[in-house]
């Protein structure tokens, strides 16, 4: 099994696998609209705009598991992201990232990460970098700002 085999639901409700992103560097982030870290949406969008043409795709997975900080519907989340941060990177339906109801994507990411292997996600805006071959290259904490990832992203894009 690889990251590309995992089925996800888009924010508009369509089922798809991550195979659509084969050959790209992926930055996968669990997001929330009512979190102290929500302004990271701006930095994530800037990374996406800066590196999209070189092969980076940011994937946002809203999550309501941390202090109920993503209470809205998918439609409300999409509107919030568009209106407040001009988000154009792909967003997906809400998921759980921890516990017995954790989405298979997050089970996979946590089990394959070189750092914090198998550990629970600590908060909203935890990040995973996946290389062009679909391997989890790095797990990044929630408080790390998107702009701090440029060196890692650039090296994965060149690889």
Protein backbone atom coordinates (compact mmCIF):
# COMPACT_ATOMS: atom_id res chain seq x y z
CA UNK A 1 0.00 0.00 0.00
CA UNK A 2 1.14 3.55 -0.72
CA UNK A 3 -0.23 7.00 -0.01
CA UNK A 4 -1.62 6.97 -3.57
CA UNK A 5 -3.96 4.06 -2.81
CA UNK A 6 -5.77 5.90 -0.03
CA UNK A 7 -9.28 7.12 -0.77
CA UNK A 8 -10.25 10.60 0.42
CA UNK A 9 -13.33 12.75 0.05
CA UNK A 10 -12.98 16.22 -1.44
CA UNK A 11 -14.53 19.19 0.33
CA UNK A 12 -17.33 19.01 -2.26
CA UNK A 13 -18.01 15.36 -1.39
CA UNK A 14 -16.38 13.44 -4.27
CA UNK A 15 -14.41 10.29 -3.49
CA UNK A 16 -10.94 10.09 -5.03
CA UNK A 17 -7.58 8.51 -4.30
CA UNK A 18 -4.40 10.46 -3.85
CA UNK A 19 -3.13 8.87 -7.10
CA UNK A 20 -4.08 12.17 -8.77
CA UNK A 21 -1.00 13.65 -7.05
CA UNK A 22 1.56 11.02 -8.12
CA UNK A 23 4.91 12.56 -8.96
CA UNK A 24 4.26 15.67 -6.84
CA UNK A 25 5.69 16.73 -3.51
CA UNK A 26 2.78 16.80 -1.06
CA UNK A 27 2.40 18.96 2.03
CA UNK A 28 -0.48 17.38 3.96
CA UNK A 29 -1.92 19.47 6.80
CA UNK A 30 -4.78 18.99 9.26
CA UNK A 31 -6.48 22.38 9.43
CA UNK A 32 -9.04 24.30 11.48
CA UNK A 33 -10.82 27.64 11.10
CA UNK A 34 -11.09 28.64 14.75
CA UNK A 35 -7.59 27.88 16.00
CA UNK A 36 -4.80 30.17 17.16
CA UNK A 37 -2.77 28.66 14.31
CA UNK A 38 -5.43 29.35 11.64
CA UNK A 39 -3.36 32.23 10.16
CA UNK A 40 -1.04 29.49 8.85
CA UNK A 41 -3.54 29.18 5.99
CA UNK A 42 -1.92 32.34 4.58
CA UNK A 43 1.55 30.79 4.64
CA UNK A 44 0.30 27.50 3.21
CA UNK A 45 -1.35 29.34 0.32
CA UNK A 46 1.85 31.33 -0.28
CA UNK A 47 3.89 28.09 -0.41
CA UNK A 48 1.37 26.60 -2.83
CA UNK A 49 1.50 29.65 -5.12
CA UNK A 50 5.30 29.81 -4.98
CA UNK A 51 6.02 26.13 -5.68
CA UNK A 52 2.92 24.84 -7.48
CA UNK A 53 4.51 25.13 -10.92
CA UNK A 54 7.52 23.15 -9.66
CA UNK A 55 5.34 20.29 -8.40
CA UNK A 56 4.21 21.07 -4.85
CA UNK A 57 0.63 20.39 -3.84
CA UNK A 58 -0.70 21.43 -0.43
CA UNK A 59 -3.57 19.23 0.78
CA UNK A 60 -5.75 20.55 3.61
CA UNK A 61 -7.73 18.17 5.80
CA UNK A 62 -10.03 20.00 8.24
CA UNK A 63 -10.21 18.36 11.66
CA UNK A 64 -12.51 19.04 14.60
CA UNK A 65 -10.71 16.77 17.10
CA UNK A 66 -8.82 19.54 18.88
CA UNK A 67 -11.02 21.65 21.17
CA UNK A 68 -13.81 21.71 18.54
CA UNK A 69 -11.89 24.24 16.46
CA UNK A 70 -13.42 23.16 13.14
CA UNK A 71 -17.17 23.06 13.85
CA UNK A 72 -18.41 24.17 10.43
CA UNK A 73 -19.77 22.18 7.53
CA UNK A 74 -17.58 21.49 4.51
CA UNK A 75 -19.34 24.31 2.65
CA UNK A 76 -18.68 26.74 5.53
CA UNK A 77 -15.03 25.65 5.72
CA UNK A 78 -14.54 26.17 1.97
CA UNK A 79 -16.14 29.63 2.14
CA UNK A 80 -14.05 30.61 5.18
CA UNK A 81 -10.81 29.54 3.48
CA UNK A 82 -11.68 31.33 0.26
CA UNK A 83 -12.92 34.57 1.82
CA UNK A 84 -10.26 34.92 4.53
CA UNK A 85 -7.16 33.41 2.95
CA UNK A 86 -7.86 33.01 -0.78
CA UNK A 87 -7.11 29.29 -0.51
CA UNK A 88 -6.81 27.60 -3.90
CA UNK A 89 -5.01 24.42 -2.81
CA UNK A 90 -7.15 21.27 -2.53
CA UNK A 91 -9.30 20.95 0.58
CA UNK A 92 -10.96 17.77 1.73
CA UNK A 93 -13.86 16.70 3.91
CA UNK A 94 -13.35 16.79 7.66
CA UNK A 95 -11.39 13.88 9.09
CA UNK A 96 -10.25 12.54 12.43
CA UNK A 97 -6.48 12.29 12.71
CA UNK A 98 -6.17 10.44 16.02
CA UNK A 99 -7.74 7.53 17.83
CA UNK A 100 -9.81 4.62 16.58
CA UNK A 101 -11.69 6.81 14.07
CA UNK A 102 -8.52 8.28 12.52
CA UNK A 103 -8.79 8.45 8.74
CA UNK A 104 -6.68 5.79 6.93
CA UNK A 105 -4.55 8.59 5.44
CA UNK A 106 -3.53 9.78 8.89
CA UNK A 107 -3.00 6.23 10.14
CA UNK A 108 -0.65 5.75 7.18
CA UNK A 109 1.17 9.08 7.56
CA UNK A 110 1.77 8.57 11.28
CA UNK A 111 3.02 5.00 10.78
CA UNK A 112 5.39 5.94 7.94
CA UNK A 113 6.86 9.18 9.28
CA UNK A 114 10.58 9.05 10.07
CA UNK A 115 10.01 11.35 13.06
CA UNK A 116 7.39 10.67 15.72
CA UNK A 117 6.58 7.32 14.13
CA UNK A 118 3.12 6.24 15.23
CA UNK A 119 2.67 9.10 17.68
CA UNK A 120 -0.66 10.91 17.81
CA UNK A 121 -1.02 14.29 16.07
CA UNK A 122 -0.49 17.00 18.68
CA UNK A 123 -2.76 19.75 17.32
CA UNK A 124 -4.23 21.42 14.25
CA UNK A 125 -1.76 22.36 11.51
CA UNK A 126 0.56 19.38 12.00
CA UNK A 127 2.26 18.78 8.66
CA UNK A 128 3.64 15.88 6.64
CA UNK A 129 5.89 16.20 3.62
CA UNK A 130 5.59 13.38 1.09
CA UNK A 131 8.21 13.02 -1.65
CA UNK A 132 7.55 12.49 -5.36
CA UNK A 133 7.71 8.72 -4.86
CA UNK A 134 4.90 8.84 -2.28
CA UNK A 135 7.09 8.25 0.76
CA UNK A 136 6.60 10.24 3.95
CA UNK A 137 9.78 12.32 4.04
CA UNK A 138 9.16 14.40 7.16
CA UNK A 139 6.69 15.01 9.97
CA UNK A 140 6.51 18.63 11.10
CA UNK A 141 4.93 20.00 14.26
CA UNK A 142 1.88 22.23 14.31
CA UNK A 143 3.72 25.33 15.53
CA UNK A 144 6.27 25.27 12.69
CA UNK A 145 5.30 28.07 10.32
CA UNK A 146 4.81 27.21 6.64
CA UNK A 147 7.56 29.61 5.55
CA UNK A 148 10.04 27.57 7.63
CA UNK A 149 9.54 24.64 5.22
CA UNK A 150 11.03 26.21 2.10
CA UNK A 151 14.41 24.43 2.37
CA UNK A 152 12.78 21.01 2.84
CA UNK A 153 10.31 21.63 0.01
CA UNK A 154 13.01 22.85 -2.38
CA UNK A 155 15.21 19.80 -1.71
CA UNK A 156 12.29 17.42 -2.30
CA UNK A 157 11.32 19.22 -5.51
CA UNK A 158 14.90 18.88 -6.81
CA UNK A 159 15.18 15.17 -5.89
